[in-house]
C-alpha atoms as a PDB file:
ATOM      1  CA  UNK A   1       0.000   0.000   0.000  1.00  0.00           C
ATOM      2  CA  UNK A   2       1.519   3.314  -1.089  1.00  0.00           C
ATOM      3  CA  UNK A   3       1.463   6.175   1.366  1.00  0.00           C
ATOM      4  CA  UNK A   4      -0.111   9.393   0.170  1.00  0.00           C
ATOM      5  CA  UNK A   5       2.195  12.413  -0.083  1.00  0.00           C
ATOM      6  CA  UNK A   6       1.117  15.427   1.960  1.00  0.00           C
ATOM      7  CA  UNK A   7      -0.165  18.330  -0.091  1.00  0.00           C
ATOM      8  CA  UNK A   8      -0.428  22.053   0.502  1.00  0.00           C
ATOM      9  CA  UNK A   9      -4.087  23.082   0.568  1.00  0.00           C
ATOM     10  CA  UNK A  10      -5.572  26.523  -0.086  1.00  0.00           C
ATOM     11  CA  UNK A  11      -7.915  27.969   2.512  1.00  0.00           C
ATOM     12  CA  UNK A  12     -10.002  31.103   2.080  1.00  0.00           C
ATOM     13  CA  UNK A  13     -11.081  33.269   5.030  1.00  0.00           C
ATOM     14  CA  UNK A  14     -13.882  35.844   4.724  1.00  0.00           C
ATOM     15  CA  UNK A  15     -13.438  39.016   6.765  1.00  0.00           C
ATOM     16  CA  UNK A  16     -16.868  40.519   7.312  1.00  0.00           C
ATOM     17  CA  UNK A  17     -17.364  43.649   9.423  1.00  0.00           C
ATOM     18  CA  UNK A  18     -20.470  45.067  11.050  1.00  0.00           C
ATOM     19  CA  UNK A  19     -21.401  48.771  11.328  1.00  0.00           C
ATOM     20  CA  UNK A  20     -19.147  49.129  14.396  1.00  0.00           C
ATOM     21  CA  UNK A  21     -16.142  47.633  12.596  1.00  0.00           C
ATOM     22  CA  UNK A  22     -16.327  44.331  14.494  1.00  0.00           C
ATOM     23  CA  UNK A  23     -15.453  41.221  12.521  1.00  0.00           C
ATOM     24  CA  UNK A  24     -17.392  37.971  12.393  1.00  0.00           C
ATOM     25  CA  UNK A  25     -15.593  35.075  14.093  1.00  0.00           C
ATOM     26  CA  UNK A  26     -16.696  31.605  15.091  1.00  0.00           C
ATOM     27  CA  UNK A  27     -15.412  28.895  17.409  1.00  0.00           C
ATOM     28  CA  UNK A  28     -13.999  25.970  15.396  1.00  0.00           C
ATOM     29  CA  UNK A  29     -15.182  22.494  16.206  1.00  0.00           C
ATOM     30  CA  UNK A  30     -14.250  18.970  15.162  1.00  0.00           C
ATOM     31  CA  UNK A  31     -11.132  19.690  13.087  1.00  0.00           C
ATOM     32  CA  UNK A  32      -7.618  21.044  13.393  1.00  0.00           C
ATOM     33  CA  UNK A  33      -7.726  24.197  15.491  1.00  0.00           C
ATOM     34  CA  UNK A  34     -10.789  23.001  17.419  1.00  0.00           C
ATOM     35  CA  UNK A  35     -11.798  25.539  20.080  1.00  0.00           C
ATOM     36  CA  UNK A  36     -10.111  28.489  18.365  1.00  0.00           C
ATOM     37  CA  UNK A  37     -11.653  31.604  16.840  1.00  0.00           C
ATOM     38  CA  UNK A  38     -11.801  31.653  13.048  1.00  0.00           C
ATOM     39  CA  UNK A  39     -13.245  33.749  10.260  1.00  0.00           C
ATOM     40  CA  UNK A  40     -15.852  32.070   8.021  1.00  0.00           C
ATOM     41  CA  UNK A  41     -14.135  30.169   5.244  1.00  0.00           C
ATOM     42  CA  UNK A  42     -12.882  26.871   3.980  1.00  0.00           C
ATOM     43  CA  UNK A  43     -11.134  25.006   1.208  1.00  0.00           C
ATOM     44  CA  UNK A  44     -10.784  26.371  -2.293  1.00  0.00           C
ATOM     45  CA  UNK A  45     -12.248  23.866  -4.737  1.00  0.00           C
ATOM     46  CA  UNK A  46     -10.530  22.930  -8.005  1.00  0.00           C
ATOM     47  CA  UNK A  47     -11.410  25.491 -10.682  1.00  0.00           C
ATOM     48  CA  UNK A  48     -13.052  27.864  -8.183  1.00  0.00           C
ATOM     49  CA  UNK A  49     -12.250  31.572  -7.944  1.00  0.00           C
ATOM     50  CA  UNK A  50     -11.136  32.438  -4.399  1.00  0.00           C
ATOM     51  CA  UNK A  51     -13.592  35.376  -4.178  1.00  0.00           C
ATOM     52  CA  UNK A  52     -16.424  33.008  -5.081  1.00  0.00           C
ATOM     53  CA  UNK A  53     -15.099  30.576  -2.481  1.00  0.00           C
ATOM     54  CA  UNK A  54     -15.361  33.257   0.236  1.00  0.00           C
ATOM     55  CA  UNK A  55     -18.971  33.944  -0.772  1.00  0.00           C
ATOM     56  CA  UNK A  56     -19.889  30.235  -0.957  1.00  0.00           C
ATOM     57  CA  UNK A  57     -18.241  29.272   2.322  1.00  0.00           C
ATOM     58  CA  UNK A  58     -19.797  32.220   4.168  1.00  0.00           C
ATOM     59  CA  UNK A  59     -23.277  31.274   2.952  1.00  0.00           C
ATOM     60  CA  UNK A  60     -22.753  27.576   3.799  1.00  0.00           C
ATOM     61  CA  UNK A  61     -21.415  28.310   7.292  1.00  0.00           C
ATOM     62  CA  UNK A  62     -23.388  31.377   8.405  1.00  0.00           C
ATOM     63  CA  UNK A  63     -26.407  31.726   6.121  1.00  0.00           C
ATOM     64  CA  UNK A  64     -25.175  35.226   5.201  1.00  0.00           C
ATOM     65  CA  UNK A  65     -25.033  36.328   1.579  1.00  0.00           C
ATOM     66  CA  UNK A  66     -21.914  38.401   1.026  1.00  0.00           C
ATOM     67  CA  UNK A  67     -20.086  40.054  -1.837  1.00  0.00           C
ATOM     68  CA  UNK A  68     -16.365  39.340  -1.806  1.00  0.00           C
ATOM     69  CA  UNK A  69     -14.662  42.616  -2.670  1.00  0.00           C
ATOM     70  CA  UNK A  70     -10.903  42.160  -2.533  1.00  0.00           C
ATOM     71  CA  UNK A  71      -8.096  40.042  -1.210  1.00  0.00           C
ATOM     72  CA  UNK A  72      -6.325  41.545   1.793  1.00  0.00           C
ATOM     73  CA  UNK A  73      -3.461  39.207   2.606  1.00  0.00           C
ATOM     74  CA  UNK A  74      -2.307  35.607   2.597  1.00  0.00           C
ATOM     75  CA  UNK A  75      -0.500  33.465   5.147  1.00  0.00           C
ATOM     76  CA  UNK A  76       1.624  30.316   5.104  1.00  0.00           C
ATOM     77  CA  UNK A  77       0.147  28.071   7.817  1.00  0.00           C
ATOM     78  CA  UNK A  78       1.901  24.911   8.963  1.00  0.00           C
ATOM     79  CA  UNK A  79      -0.002  22.820  11.511  1.00  0.00           C
ATOM     80  CA  UNK A  80       2.860  20.663  12.810  1.00  0.00           C
ATOM     81  CA  UNK A  81       0.855  18.416  15.153  1.00  0.00           C
ATOM     82  CA  UNK A  82      -1.762  17.672  12.486  1.00  0.00           C
ATOM     83  CA  UNK A  83       0.812  17.427   9.672  1.00  0.00           C
ATOM     84  CA  UNK A  84      -1.214  19.889   7.575  1.00  0.00           C
ATOM     85  CA  UNK A  85      -0.023  22.820   5.485  1.00  0.00           C
ATOM     86  CA  UNK A  86      -2.223  25.604   4.113  1.00  0.00           C
ATOM     87  CA  UNK A  87      -1.902  28.837   2.253  1.00  0.00           C
ATOM     88  CA  UNK A  88      -4.779  30.999   3.514  1.00  0.00           C
ATOM     89  CA  UNK A  89      -6.152  33.886   1.447  1.00  0.00           C
ATOM     90  CA  UNK A  90      -7.980  36.568   3.469  1.00  0.00           C
ATOM     91  CA  UNK A  91     -10.791  38.293   1.576  1.00  0.00           C
ATOM     92  CA  UNK A  92     -12.831  41.340   2.612  1.00  0.00           C
ATOM     93  CA  UNK A  93     -16.562  40.784   2.170  1.00  0.00           C
ATOM     94  CA  UNK A  94     -19.656  42.966   2.507  1.00  0.00           C
ATOM     95  CA  UNK A  95     -23.015  41.587   3.667  1.00  0.00           C
ATOM     96  CA  UNK A  96     -25.886  41.966   1.200  1.00  0.00           C
ATOM     97  CA  UNK A  97     -28.201  42.700   4.149  1.00  0.00           C
ATOM     98  CA  UNK A  98     -26.404  44.534   6.966  1.00  0.00           C
ATOM     99  CA  UNK A  99     -29.240  43.697   9.385  1.00  0.00           C
ATOM    100  CA  UNK A 100     -29.083  39.924   8.914  1.00  0.00           C
ATOM    101  CA  UNK A 101     -27.162  38.057  11.606  1.00  0.00           C
ATOM    102  CA  UNK A 102     -25.149  34.834  11.214  1.00  0.00           C
ATOM    103  CA  UNK A 103     -26.595  31.433  12.077  1.00  0.00           C
ATOM    104  CA  UNK A 104     -24.620  28.270  12.836  1.00  0.00           C
ATOM    105  CA  UNK A 105     -25.381  26.302   9.665  1.00  0.00           C
ATOM    106  CA  UNK A 106     -22.791  23.556  10.270  1.00  0.00           C
ATOM    107  CA  UNK A 107     -22.967  22.725  14.001  1.00  0.00           C
ATOM    108  CA  UNK A 108     -20.470  19.893  13.580  1.00  0.00           C
ATOM    109  CA  UNK A 109     -17.867  22.467  12.434  1.00  0.00           C
ATOM    110  CA  UNK A 110     -18.698  25.613  14.425  1.00  0.00           C
ATOM    111  CA  UNK A 111     -19.999  26.231  17.962  1.00  0.00           C
ATOM    112  CA  UNK A 112     -21.137  29.832  17.541  1.00  0.00           C
ATOM    113  CA  UNK A 113     -20.667  33.095  15.651  1.00  0.00           C
ATOM    114  CA  UNK A 114     -19.954  36.430  17.301  1.00  0.00           C
ATOM    115  CA  UNK A 115     -18.690  39.899  16.385  1.00  0.00           C
ATOM    116  CA  UNK A 116     -15.247  40.844  17.768  1.00  0.00           C
ATOM    117  CA  UNK A 117     -13.215  43.983  17.290  1.00  0.00           C
ATOM    118  CA  UNK A 118      -9.725  43.808  15.909  1.00  0.00           C
ATOM    119  CA  UNK A 119      -8.544  45.188  19.272  1.00  0.00           C
ATOM    120  CA  UNK A 120     -10.146  42.226  21.040  1.00  0.00           C
ATOM    121  CA  UNK A 121      -8.434  39.786  18.699  1.00  0.00           C
ATOM    122  CA  UNK A 122      -5.131  41.606  19.205  1.00  0.00           C
ATOM    123  CA  UNK A 123      -5.604  41.312  22.982  1.00  0.00           C
ATOM    124  CA  UNK A 124      -5.780  37.543  22.550  1.00  0.00           C
ATOM    125  CA  UNK A 125      -2.462  37.759  20.700  1.00  0.00           C
ATOM    126  CA  UNK A 126      -0.830  39.507  23.665  1.00  0.00           C
ATOM    127  CA  UNK A 127      -0.630  36.281  25.691  1.00  0.00           C
ATOM    128  CA  UNK A 128       0.466  32.755  24.881  1.00  0.00           C
ATOM    129  CA  UNK A 129      -2.930  31.458  26.044  1.00  0.00           C
ATOM    130  CA  UNK A 130      -4.620  33.980  23.771  1.00  0.00           C
ATOM    131  CA  UNK A 131      -2.610  32.820  20.778  1.00  0.00           C
ATOM    132  CA  UNK A 132      -4.019  29.358  21.435  1.00  0.00           C
ATOM    133  CA  UNK A 133      -7.546  30.824  21.249  1.00  0.00           C
ATOM    134  CA  UNK A 134      -7.005  32.149  17.701  1.00  0.00           C
ATOM    135  CA  UNK A 135      -6.870  29.877  14.649  1.00  0.00           C
ATOM    136  CA  UNK A 136      -3.274  29.662  13.366  1.00  0.00           C
ATOM    137  CA  UNK A 137      -3.939  31.607  10.127  1.00  0.00           C
ATOM    138  CA  UNK A 138      -5.177  34.587  12.202  1.00  0.00           C
ATOM    139  CA  UNK A 139      -2.102  34.386  14.444  1.00  0.00           C
ATOM    140  CA  UNK A 140       0.109  34.295  11.359  1.00  0.00           C
ATOM    141  CA  UNK A 141      -1.806  37.196   9.801  1.00  0.00           C
ATOM    142  CA  UNK A 142      -1.252  39.393  12.875  1.00  0.00           C
ATOM    143  CA  UNK A 143       2.438  38.416  12.916  1.00  0.00           C
ATOM    144  CA  UNK A 144       2.936  39.092   9.197  1.00  0.00           C
ATOM    145  CA  UNK A 145       5.360  41.873   8.283  1.00  0.00           C
ATOM    146  CA  UNK A 146       3.090  43.359   5.599  1.00  0.00           C
ATOM    147  CA  UNK A 147       0.104  43.352   7.946  1.00  0.00           C
ATOM    148  CA  UNK A 148       2.157  45.096  10.627  1.00  0.00           C
ATOM    149  CA  UNK A 149       3.173  47.760   8.105  1.00  0.00           C
ATOM    150  CA  UNK A 150      -0.462  48.294   7.048  1.00  0.00           C
ATOM    151  CA  UNK A 151      -1.618  48.375  10.659  1.00  0.00           C
ATOM    152  CA  UNK A 152      -5.230  47.210  10.540  1.00  0.00           C
ATOM    153  CA  UNK A 153      -7.596  44.785   8.887  1.00  0.00           C
ATOM    154  CA  UNK A 154     -10.646  46.976   9.329  1.00  0.00           C
ATOM    155  CA  UNK A 155      -8.852  49.991   7.825  1.00  0.00           C
ATOM    156  CA  UNK A 156      -8.434  47.886   4.668  1.00  0.00           C
ATOM    157  CA  UNK A 157     -12.113  47.073   4.350  1.00  0.00           C
END
């Protein structure tokens, strides 16, 4: 029996802000990074545009219809313990209906959705325990040199 070679996967994360500039995050469940905060998103499918992927994954996970507007950044994410490697593309998205709130559409994958400010997420980054509460791609995004030079996710939206 031949062993399968590991592959690098592409993940897409949708950054969606509310009127107060808070971003939508959920608690991961049942997969690598379980228990950590994540943005809506998932795997890019073969032949799929990454902006379309952000829209599709957001609808599947939250029930929200969004318009993906632009890519903001990407990260190189190596999950050593799980032996997984991802390139994650972060995409800014705008809700079609600003009043509609997210719903947990995939309870096996996500505990809950909530709105958090970038400052709150940065506070998590200030401690080692906090870093463990953020999904690795978000940790890597906040540690990225280009992100640090730009200064803010919400300023980019």
